[in-house]
PDB file of all heavy atoms in Angstrom:
ATOM      1  N   LYS A   1      85.191  81.075 105.871  1.00  0.00           N
ATOM      2  CA  LYS A   1      85.710  79.997 105.025  1.00  0.00           C
ATOM      3  C   LYS A   1      85.958  78.755 105.866  1.00  0.00           C
ATOM      4  O   LYS A   1      85.540  77.651 105.521  1.00  0.00           O
ATOM      5  CB  LYS A   1      86.996  80.450 104.336  1.00  0.00           C
ATOM      6  CG  LYS A   1      87.678  79.373 103.516  1.00  0.00           C
ATOM      7  CD  LYS A   1      88.972  79.908 102.910  1.00  0.00           C
ATOM      8  CE  LYS A   1      89.644  78.830 102.101  1.00  0.00           C
ATOM      9  NZ  LYS A   1      90.848  78.322 102.692  1.00  0.00           N
ATOM     10  N   ALA A   2      86.624  78.930 107.004  1.00  0.00           N
ATOM     11  CA  ALA A   2      86.910  77.802 107.890  1.00  0.00           C
ATOM     12  C   ALA A   2      85.654  77.314 108.594  1.00  0.00           C
ATOM     13  O   ALA A   2      85.469  76.107 108.785  1.00  0.00           O
ATOM     14  CB  ALA A   2      87.975  78.202 108.909  1.00  0.00           C
ATOM     15  N   ALA A   3      84.764  78.227 108.962  1.00  0.00           N
ATOM     16  CA  ALA A   3      83.556  77.853 109.696  1.00  0.00           C
ATOM     17  C   ALA A   3      82.606  77.013 108.857  1.00  0.00           C
ATOM     18  O   ALA A   3      82.048  76.024 109.331  1.00  0.00           O
ATOM     19  CB  ALA A   3      82.840  79.111 110.198  1.00  0.00           C
ATOM     20  N   LEU A   4      82.412  77.381 107.602  1.00  0.00           N
ATOM     21  CA  LEU A   4      81.394  76.741 106.777  1.00  0.00           C
ATOM     22  C   LEU A   4      81.891  75.548 105.974  1.00  0.00           C
ATOM     23  O   LEU A   4      81.107  74.687 105.588  1.00  0.00           O
ATOM     24  CB  LEU A   4      80.764  77.761 105.827  1.00  0.00           C
ATOM     25  CG  LEU A   4      80.012  78.898 106.505  1.00  0.00           C
ATOM     26  CD1 LEU A   4      79.539  79.903 105.472  1.00  0.00           C
ATOM     27  CD2 LEU A   4      78.852  78.367 107.326  1.00  0.00           C
ATOM     28  N   GLY A   5      83.171  75.485 105.678  1.00  0.00           N
ATOM     29  CA  GLY A   5      83.692  74.374 104.868  1.00  0.00           C
ATOM     30  C   GLY A   5      83.106  74.389 103.474  1.00  0.00           C
ATOM     31  O   GLY A   5      81.960  74.775 103.250  1.00  0.00           O
ATOM     32  N   GLY A   6      83.890  73.975 102.508  1.00  0.00           N
ATOM     33  CA  GLY A   6      83.430  73.914 101.121  1.00  0.00           C
ATOM     34  C   GLY A   6      83.559  75.223 100.369  1.00  0.00           C
ATOM     35  O   GLY A   6      83.534  75.236  99.148  1.00  0.00           O
ATOM     36  N   TYR A   7      83.679  76.318 101.092  1.00  0.00           N
ATOM     37  CA  TYR A   7      83.854  77.622 100.456  1.00  0.00           C
ATOM     38  C   TYR A   7      85.341  77.888 100.260  1.00  0.00           C
ATOM     39  O   TYR A   7      86.182  77.437 101.038  1.00  0.00           O
ATOM     40  CB  TYR A   7      83.271  78.745 101.321  1.00  0.00           C
ATOM     41  CG  TYR A   7      81.794  78.946 101.151  1.00  0.00           C
ATOM     42  CD1 TYR A   7      80.887  78.325 101.998  1.00  0.00           C
ATOM     43  CD2 TYR A   7      81.299  79.766 100.147  1.00  0.00           C
ATOM     44  CE1 TYR A   7      79.525  78.524 101.854  1.00  0.00           C
ATOM     45  CE2 TYR A   7      79.941  79.970  99.995  1.00  0.00           C
ATOM     46  CZ  TYR A   7      79.053  79.351 100.854  1.00  0.00           C
ATOM     47  OH  TYR A   7      77.710  79.554 100.706  1.00  0.00           O
ATOM     48  N   ASP A   8      85.658  78.646  99.222  1.00  0.00           N
ATOM     49  CA  ASP A   8      87.038  79.057  98.996  1.00  0.00           C
ATOM     50  C   ASP A   8      87.014  80.380  98.255  1.00  0.00           C
ATOM     51  O   ASP A   8      85.975  80.831  97.786  1.00  0.00           O
ATOM     52  CB  ASP A   8      87.798  78.012  98.182  1.00  0.00           C
ATOM     53  CG  ASP A   8      89.294  78.050  98.447  1.00  0.00           C
ATOM     54  OD1 ASP A   8      89.789  79.026  99.048  1.00  0.00           O
ATOM     55  OD2 ASP A   8      89.977  77.099  98.042  1.00  0.00           O
ATOM     56  N   PHE A   9      88.153  80.991  98.155  1.00  0.00           N
ATOM     57  CA  PHE A   9      88.267  82.226  97.401  1.00  0.00           C
ATOM     58  C   PHE A   9      88.286  81.872  95.921  1.00  0.00           C
ATOM     59  O   PHE A   9      88.855  80.850  95.535  1.00  0.00           O
ATOM     60  CB  PHE A   9      89.534  82.981  97.803  1.00  0.00           C
ATOM     61  CG  PHE A   9      89.506  83.406  99.245  1.00  0.00           C
ATOM     62  CD1 PHE A   9      90.202  82.690 100.212  1.00  0.00           C
ATOM     63  CD2 PHE A   9      88.761  84.505  99.637  1.00  0.00           C
ATOM     64  CE1 PHE A   9      90.162  83.071 101.538  1.00  0.00           C
ATOM     65  CE2 PHE A   9      88.719  84.884 100.965  1.00  0.00           C
ATOM     66  CZ  PHE A   9      89.416  84.165 101.925  1.00  0.00           C
ATOM     67  N   PRO A  10      87.657  82.702  95.062  1.00  0.00           N
ATOM     68  CA  PRO A  10      87.637  82.390  93.636  1.00  0.00           C
ATOM     69  C   PRO A  10      89.042  82.232  93.072  1.00  0.00           C
ATOM     70  O   PRO A  10      89.289  81.389  92.231  1.00  0.00           O
ATOM     71  CB  PRO A  10      86.927  83.573  92.986  1.00  0.00           C
ATOM     72  CG  PRO A  10      86.311  84.351  94.078  1.00  0.00           C
ATOM     73  CD  PRO A  10      86.962  83.947  95.362  1.00  0.00           C
ATOM     74  N   MET A  11      89.930  83.040  93.555  1.00  0.00           N
ATOM     75  CA  MET A  11      91.343  82.932  93.174  1.00  0.00           C
ATOM     76  C   MET A  11      92.130  82.763  94.465  1.00  0.00           C
ATOM     77  O   MET A  11      92.103  83.638  95.327  1.00  0.00           O
ATOM     78  CB  MET A  11      91.805  84.188  92.440  1.00  0.00           C
ATOM     79  CG  MET A  11      91.166  84.372  91.080  1.00  0.00           C
ATOM     80  SD  MET A  11      91.705  85.910  90.279  1.00  0.00           S
ATOM     81  CE  MET A  11      93.476  85.806  90.377  1.00  0.00           C
ATOM     82  N   PRO A  12      92.802  81.628  94.647  1.00  0.00           N
ATOM     83  CA  PRO A  12      93.551  81.439  95.896  1.00  0.00           C
ATOM     84  C   PRO A  12      94.691  82.439  96.023  1.00  0.00           C
ATOM     85  O   PRO A  12      95.211  82.945  95.030  1.00  0.00           O
ATOM     86  CB  PRO A  12      94.082  80.010  95.786  1.00  0.00           C
ATOM     87  CG  PRO A  12      93.969  79.642  94.343  1.00  0.00           C
ATOM     88  CD  PRO A  12      92.918  80.518  93.728  1.00  0.00           C
ATOM     89  N   VAL A  13      95.063  82.709  97.253  1.00  0.00           N
ATOM     90  CA  VAL A  13      96.197  83.579  97.521  1.00  0.00           C
ATOM     91  C   VAL A  13      97.439  82.932  96.903  1.00  0.00           C
ATOM     92  O   VAL A  13      97.649  81.731  97.038  1.00  0.00           O
ATOM     93  CB  VAL A  13      96.379  83.772  99.043  1.00  0.00           C
ATOM     94  CG1 VAL A  13      97.606  84.614  99.349  1.00  0.00           C
ATOM     95  CG2 VAL A  13      95.142  84.405  99.652  1.00  0.00           C
ATOM     96  N   PRO A  14      98.259  83.692  96.193  1.00  0.00           N
ATOM     97  CA  PRO A  14      99.455  83.114  95.561  1.00  0.00           C
ATOM     98  C   PRO A  14     100.368  82.421  96.575  1.00  0.00           C
ATOM     99  O   PRO A  14     100.450  82.830  97.735  1.00  0.00           O
ATOM    100  CB  PRO A  14     100.142  84.333  94.931  1.00  0.00           C
ATOM    101  CG  PRO A  14      99.051  85.334  94.741  1.00  0.00           C
ATOM    102  CD  PRO A  14      98.113  85.114  95.896  1.00  0.00           C
ATOM    103  N   ASP A  15     101.033  81.366  96.122  1.00  0.00           N
ATOM    104  CA  ASP A  15     101.967  80.638  96.971  1.00  0.00           C
ATOM    105  C   ASP A  15     102.985  81.584  97.589  1.00  0.00           C
ATOM    106  O   ASP A  15     103.461  82.523  96.945  1.00  0.00           O
ATOM    107  CB  ASP A  15     102.711  79.563  96.169  1.00  0.00           C
ATOM    108  CG  ASP A  15     101.806  78.398  95.780  1.00  0.00           C
ATOM    109  OD1 ASP A  15     100.765  78.213  96.450  1.00  0.00           O
ATOM    110  OD2 ASP A  15     102.146  77.685  94.828  1.00  0.00           O
ATOM    111  N   GLY A  16     103.286  81.337  98.848  1.00  0.00           N
ATOM    112  CA  GLY A  16     104.272  82.143  99.549  1.00  0.00           C
ATOM    113  C   GLY A  16     103.674  83.317 100.307  1.00  0.00           C
ATOM    114  O   GLY A  16     104.411  84.052 100.971  1.00  0.00           O
ATOM    115  N   PHE A  17     102.341  83.513 100.206  1.00  0.00           N
ATOM    116  CA  PHE A  17     101.687  84.627 100.884  1.00  0.00           C
ATOM    117  C   PHE A  17     100.528  84.095 101.719  1.00  0.00           C
ATOM    118  O   PHE A  17      99.804  83.190 101.282  1.00  0.00           O
ATOM    119  CB  PHE A  17     101.166  85.656  99.878  1.00  0.00           C
ATOM    120  CG  PHE A  17     102.270  86.250  99.039  1.00  0.00           C
ATOM    121  CD1 PHE A  17     102.558  85.733  97.783  1.00  0.00           C
ATOM    122  CD2 PHE A  17     103.033  87.307  99.521  1.00  0.00           C
ATOM    123  CE1 PHE A  17     103.575  86.258  97.011  1.00  0.00           C
ATOM    124  CE2 PHE A  17     104.059  87.838  98.757  1.00  0.00           C
ATOM    125  CZ  PHE A  17     104.332  87.320  97.503  1.00  0.00           C
ATOM    126  N   LEU A  18     100.328  84.660 102.912  1.00  0.00           N
ATOM    127  CA  LEU A  18      99.225  84.239 103.771  1.00  0.00           C
ATOM    128  C   LEU A  18      97.915  84.916 103.393  1.00  0.00           C
ATOM    129  O   LEU A  18      96.844  84.341 103.540  1.00  0.00           O
ATOM    130  CB  LEU A  18      99.544  84.531 105.245  1.00  0.00           C
ATOM    131  CG  LEU A  18     100.675  83.696 105.843  1.00  0.00           C
ATOM    132  CD1 LEU A  18     100.953  84.141 107.276  1.00  0.00           C
ATOM    133  CD2 LEU A  18     100.321  82.218 105.802  1.00  0.00           C
ATOM    134  N   THR A  19      98.002  86.159 102.930  1.00  0.00           N
ATOM    135  CA  THR A  19      96.801  86.924 102.577  1.00  0.00           C
ATOM    136  C   THR A  19      97.043  87.687 101.284  1.00  0.00           C
ATOM    137  O   THR A  19      98.184  87.845 100.837  1.00  0.00           O
ATOM    138  CB  THR A  19      96.435  87.951 103.677  1.00  0.00           C
ATOM    139  OG1 THR A  19      97.443  88.970 103.713  1.00  0.00           O
ATOM    140  CG2 THR A  19      96.297  87.290 105.045  1.00  0.00           C
ATOM    141  N   TRP A  20      95.949  88.192 100.689  1.00  0.00           N
ATOM    142  CA  TRP A  20      96.076  89.032  99.498  1.00  0.00           C
ATOM    143  C   TRP A  20      96.791  90.342  99.834  1.00  0.00           C
ATOM    144  O   TRP A  20      97.497  90.904  99.004  1.00  0.00           O
ATOM    145  CB  TRP A  20      94.706  89.304  98.881  1.00  0.00           C
ATOM    146  CG  TRP A  20      94.272  88.180  98.000  1.00  0.00           C
ATOM    147  CD1 TRP A  20      93.333  87.230  98.281  1.00  0.00           C
ATOM    148  CD2 TRP A  20      94.770  87.870  96.691  1.00  0.00           C
ATOM    149  NE1 TRP A  20      93.233  86.347  97.236  1.00  0.00           N
ATOM    150  CE2 TRP A  20      94.095  86.716  96.238  1.00  0.00           C
ATOM    151  CE3 TRP A  20      95.722  88.452  95.872  1.00  0.00           C
ATOM    152  CZ2 TRP A  20      94.334  86.144  94.995  1.00  0.00           C
ATOM    153  CZ3 TRP A  20      95.973  87.881  94.621  1.00  0.00           C
ATOM    154  CH2 TRP A  20      95.279  86.741  94.209  1.00  0.00           C
ATOM    155  N   ASP A  21      96.590  90.838 101.059  1.00  0.00           N
ATOM    156  CA  ASP A  21      97.293  92.064 101.444  1.00  0.00           C
ATOM    157  C   ASP A  21      98.802  91.838 101.494  1.00  0.00           C
ATOM    158  O   ASP A  21      99.584  92.720 101.096  1.00  0.00           O
ATOM    159  CB  ASP A  21      96.777  92.597 102.786  1.00  0.00           C
ATOM    160  CG  ASP A  21      95.442  93.311 102.640  1.00  0.00           C
ATOM    161  OD1 ASP A  21      95.159  93.848 101.547  1.00  0.00           O
ATOM    162  OD2 ASP A  21      94.688  93.362 103.622  1.00  0.00           O
ATOM    163  N   ASP A  22      99.224  90.663 101.961  1.00  0.00           N
ATOM    164  CA  ASP A  22     100.660  90.346 101.937  1.00  0.00           C
ATOM    165  C   ASP A  22     101.185  90.365 100.499  1.00  0.00           C
ATOM    166  O   ASP A  22     102.261  90.900 100.221  1.00  0.00           O
ATOM    167  CB  ASP A  22     100.927  88.966 102.555  1.00  0.00           C
ATOM    168  CG  ASP A  22     100.665  88.923 104.047  1.00  0.00           C
ATOM    169  OD1 ASP A  22     100.615  89.997 104.687  1.00  0.00           O
ATOM    170  OD2 ASP A  22     100.504  87.801 104.575  1.00  0.00           O
ATOM    171  N   TRP A  23     100.427  89.777  99.588  1.00  0.00           N
ATOM    172  CA  TRP A  23     100.816  89.761  98.184  1.00  0.00           C
ATOM    173  C   TRP A  23     100.881  91.190  97.631  1.00  0.00           C
ATOM    174  O   TRP A  23     101.835  91.567  96.957  1.00  0.00           O
ATOM    175  CB  TRP A  23      99.833  88.918  97.371  1.00  0.00           C
ATOM    176  CG  TRP A  23     100.100  88.951  95.906  1.00  0.00           C
ATOM    177  CD1 TRP A  23     100.964  88.161  95.197  1.00  0.00           C
ATOM    178  CD2 TRP A  23      99.497  89.830  94.944  1.00  0.00           C
ATOM    179  NE1 TRP A  23     100.946  88.488  93.882  1.00  0.00           N
ATOM    180  CE2 TRP A  23     100.052  89.522  93.694  1.00  0.00           C
ATOM    181  CE3 TRP A  23      98.555  90.848  95.038  1.00  0.00           C
ATOM    182  CZ2 TRP A  23      99.688  90.197  92.533  1.00  0.00           C
ATOM    183  CZ3 TRP A  23      98.195  91.519  93.888  1.00  0.00           C
ATOM    184  CH2 TRP A  23      98.758  91.189  92.644  1.00  0.00           C
ATOM    185  N   ALA A  24      99.836  91.985  97.942  1.00  0.00           N
ATOM    186  CA  ALA A  24      99.789  93.362  97.445  1.00  0.00           C
ATOM    187  C   ALA A  24     100.950  94.193  98.002  1.00  0.00           C
ATOM    188  O   ALA A  24     101.529  95.016  97.291  1.00  0.00           O
ATOM    189  CB  ALA A  24      98.448  94.010  97.795  1.00  0.00           C
ATOM    190  N   ASP A  25     101.308  93.952  99.266  1.00  0.00           N
ATOM    191  CA  ASP A  25     102.468  94.641  99.836  1.00  0.00           C
ATOM    192  C   ASP A  25     103.730  94.310  99.036  1.00  0.00           C
ATOM    193  O   ASP A  25     104.519  95.203  98.714  1.00  0.00           O
ATOM    194  CB  ASP A  25     102.678  94.234 101.301  1.00  0.00           C
ATOM    195  CG  ASP A  25     101.638  94.821 102.238  1.00  0.00           C
ATOM    196  OD1 ASP A  25     100.941  95.777 101.852  1.00  0.00           O
ATOM    197  OD2 ASP A  25     101.515  94.297 103.370  1.00  0.00           O
ATOM    198  N   ALA A  26     103.900  93.031  98.712  1.00  0.00           N
ATOM    199  CA  ALA A  26     105.083  92.601  97.964  1.00  0.00           C
ATOM    200  C   ALA A  26     105.109  93.205  96.561  1.00  0.00           C
ATOM    201  O   ALA A  26     106.180  93.443  96.000  1.00  0.00           O
ATOM    202  CB  ALA A  26     105.138  91.080  97.889  1.00  0.00           C
ATOM    203  N   GLN A  27     103.937  93.468  95.999  1.00  0.00           N
ATOM    204  CA  GLN A  27     103.846  94.063  94.666  1.00  0.00           C
ATOM    205  C   GLN A  27     103.859  95.588  94.718  1.00  0.00           C
ATOM    206  O   GLN A  27     103.741  96.247  93.688  1.00  0.00           O
ATOM    207  CB  GLN A  27     102.553  93.601  93.956  1.00  0.00           C
ATOM    208  CG  GLN A  27     102.344  92.100  93.910  1.00  0.00           C
ATOM    209  CD  GLN A  27     103.519  91.345  93.369  1.00  0.00           C
ATOM    210  OE1 GLN A  27     104.055  91.689  92.324  1.00  0.00           O
ATOM    211  NE2 GLN A  27     103.945  90.312  94.083  1.00  0.00           N
ATOM    212  N   GLN A  28     103.931  96.135  95.933  1.00  0.00           N
ATOM    213  CA  GLN A  28     103.951  97.576  96.176  1.00  0.00           C
ATOM    214  C   GLN A  28     102.700  98.273  95.631  1.00  0.00           C
ATOM    215  O   GLN A  28     102.761  99.378  95.090  1.00  0.00           O
ATOM    216  CB  GLN A  28     105.225  98.205  95.607  1.00  0.00           C
ATOM    217  CG  GLN A  28     106.479  97.630  96.231  1.00  0.00           C
ATOM    218  CD  GLN A  28     107.753  98.216  95.677  1.00  0.00           C
ATOM    219  OE1 GLN A  28     107.771  98.847  94.627  1.00  0.00           O
ATOM    220  NE2 GLN A  28     108.842  98.023  96.405  1.00  0.00           N
ATOM    221  N   ILE A  29     101.563  97.600  95.794  1.00  0.00           N
ATOM    222  CA  ILE A  29     100.277  98.190  95.388  1.00  0.00           C
ATOM    223  C   ILE A  29      99.795  99.069  96.536  1.00  0.00           C
ATOM    224  O   ILE A  29      99.642  98.588  97.666  1.00  0.00           O
ATOM    225  CB  ILE A  29      99.244  97.098  95.059  1.00  0.00           C
ATOM    226  CG1 ILE A  29      99.744  96.245  93.885  1.00  0.00           C
ATOM    227  CG2 ILE A  29      97.879  97.717  94.769  1.00  0.00           C
ATOM    228  CD1 ILE A  29      98.897  95.015  93.608  1.00  0.00           C
ATOM    229  N   PRO A  30      99.569 100.347  96.291  1.00  0.00           N
ATOM    230  CA  PRO A  30      99.111 101.241  97.369  1.00  0.00           C
ATOM    231  C   PRO A  30      97.787 100.753  97.962  1.00  0.00           C
ATOM    232  O   PRO A  30      96.926 100.237  97.249  1.00  0.00           O
ATOM    233  CB  PRO A  30      98.931 102.587  96.678  1.00  0.00           C
ATOM    234  CG  PRO A  30      99.709 102.489  95.404  1.00  0.00           C
ATOM    235  CD  PRO A  30      99.717 101.049  95.020  1.00  0.00           C
ATOM    236  N   VAL A  31      97.647 100.939  99.263  1.00  0.00           N
ATOM    237  CA  VAL A  31      96.448 100.485  99.971  1.00  0.00           C
ATOM    238  C   VAL A  31      95.184 101.050  99.334  1.00  0.00           C
ATOM    239  O   VAL A  31      94.181 100.348  99.173  1.00  0.00           O
ATOM    240  CB  VAL A  31      96.530 100.864 101.474  1.00  0.00           C
ATOM    241  CG1 VAL A  31      95.213 100.583 102.179  1.00  0.00           C
ATOM    242  CG2 VAL A  31      97.676 100.132 102.146  1.00  0.00           C
ATOM    243  N   GLU A  32      95.206 102.317  98.933  1.00  0.00           N
ATOM    244  CA  GLU A  32      94.003 102.945  98.373  1.00  0.00           C
ATOM    245  C   GLU A  32      93.609 102.373  97.013  1.00  0.00           C
ATOM    246  O   GLU A  32      92.503 102.611  96.527  1.00  0.00           O
ATOM    247  CB  GLU A  32      94.166 104.468  98.294  1.00  0.00           C
ATOM    248  CG  GLU A  32      95.256 104.957  97.369  1.00  0.00           C
ATOM    249  CD  GLU A  32      96.650 104.999  98.002  1.00  0.00           C
ATOM    250  OE1 GLU A  32      96.825 104.577  99.162  1.00  0.00           O
ATOM    251  OE2 GLU A  32      97.572 105.457  97.305  1.00  0.00           O
ATOM    252  N   LYS A  33      94.482 101.600  96.373  1.00  0.00           N
ATOM    253  CA  LYS A  33      94.160 101.011  95.064  1.00  0.00           C
ATOM    254  C   LYS A  33      93.808  99.528  95.155  1.00  0.00           C
ATOM    255  O   LYS A  33      93.545  98.888  94.156  1.00  0.00           O
ATOM    256  CB  LYS A  33      95.320 101.201  94.095  1.00  0.00           C
ATOM    257  CG  LYS A  33      95.536 102.647  93.734  1.00  0.00           C
ATOM    258  CD  LYS A  33      96.437 102.804  92.561  1.00  0.00           C
ATOM    259  CE  LYS A  33      96.516 104.292  92.208  1.00  0.00           C
ATOM    260  NZ  LYS A  33      97.246 104.521  90.998  1.00  0.00           N
ATOM    261  N   ARG A  34      93.772  98.990  96.357  1.00  0.00           N
ATOM    262  CA  ARG A  34      93.449  97.575  96.552  1.00  0.00           C
ATOM    263  C   ARG A  34      91.944  97.387  96.677  1.00  0.00           C
ATOM    264  O   ARG A  34      91.236  98.289  97.125  1.00  0.00           O
ATOM    265  CB  ARG A  34      94.121  97.052  97.821  1.00  0.00           C
ATOM    266  CG  ARG A  34      95.626  97.137  97.762  1.00  0.00           C
ATOM    267  CD  ARG A  34      96.235  96.641  99.044  1.00  0.00           C
ATOM    268  NE  ARG A  34      97.665  96.968  99.064  1.00  0.00           N
ATOM    269  CZ  ARG A  34      98.474  96.649 100.036  1.00  0.00           C
ATOM    270  NH1 ARG A  34      98.026  95.974 101.084  1.00  0.00           N
ATOM    271  NH2 ARG A  34      99.741  96.971  99.969  1.00  0.00           N
ATOM    272  N   PRO A  35      91.468  96.202  96.316  1.00  0.00           N
ATOM    273  CA  PRO A  35      90.039  95.921  96.528  1.00  0.00           C
ATOM    274  C   PRO A  35      89.695  96.016  98.016  1.00  0.00           C
ATOM    275  O   PRO A  35      90.527  95.690  98.865  1.00  0.00           O
ATOM    276  CB  PRO A  35      89.869  94.482  96.034  1.00  0.00           C
ATOM    277  CG  PRO A  35      91.071  94.201  95.208  1.00  0.00           C
ATOM    278  CD  PRO A  35      92.171  95.101  95.697  1.00  0.00           C
ATOM    279  N   THR A  36      88.509  96.479  98.307  1.00  0.00           N
ATOM    280  CA  THR A  36      88.086  96.635  99.703  1.00  0.00           C
ATOM    281  C   THR A  36      87.119  95.536 100.113  1.00  0.00           C
ATOM    282  O   THR A  36      86.274  95.727 100.973  1.00  0.00           O
ATOM    283  CB  THR A  36      87.440  98.008  99.924  1.00  0.00           C
ATOM    284  OG1 THR A  36      86.331  98.131  99.030  1.00  0.00           O
ATOM    285  CG2 THR A  36      88.428  99.121  99.719  1.00  0.00           C
TER     286      THR A  36
END
């Protein structure tokens, strides 16, 4: 994303979180049920 510029995630990471995994941790979503 940073290397190519102009690209972004279809849905940005929610405010207050650095990554989707951080968000999923806060929502208590088990690792095995998260997108890979």
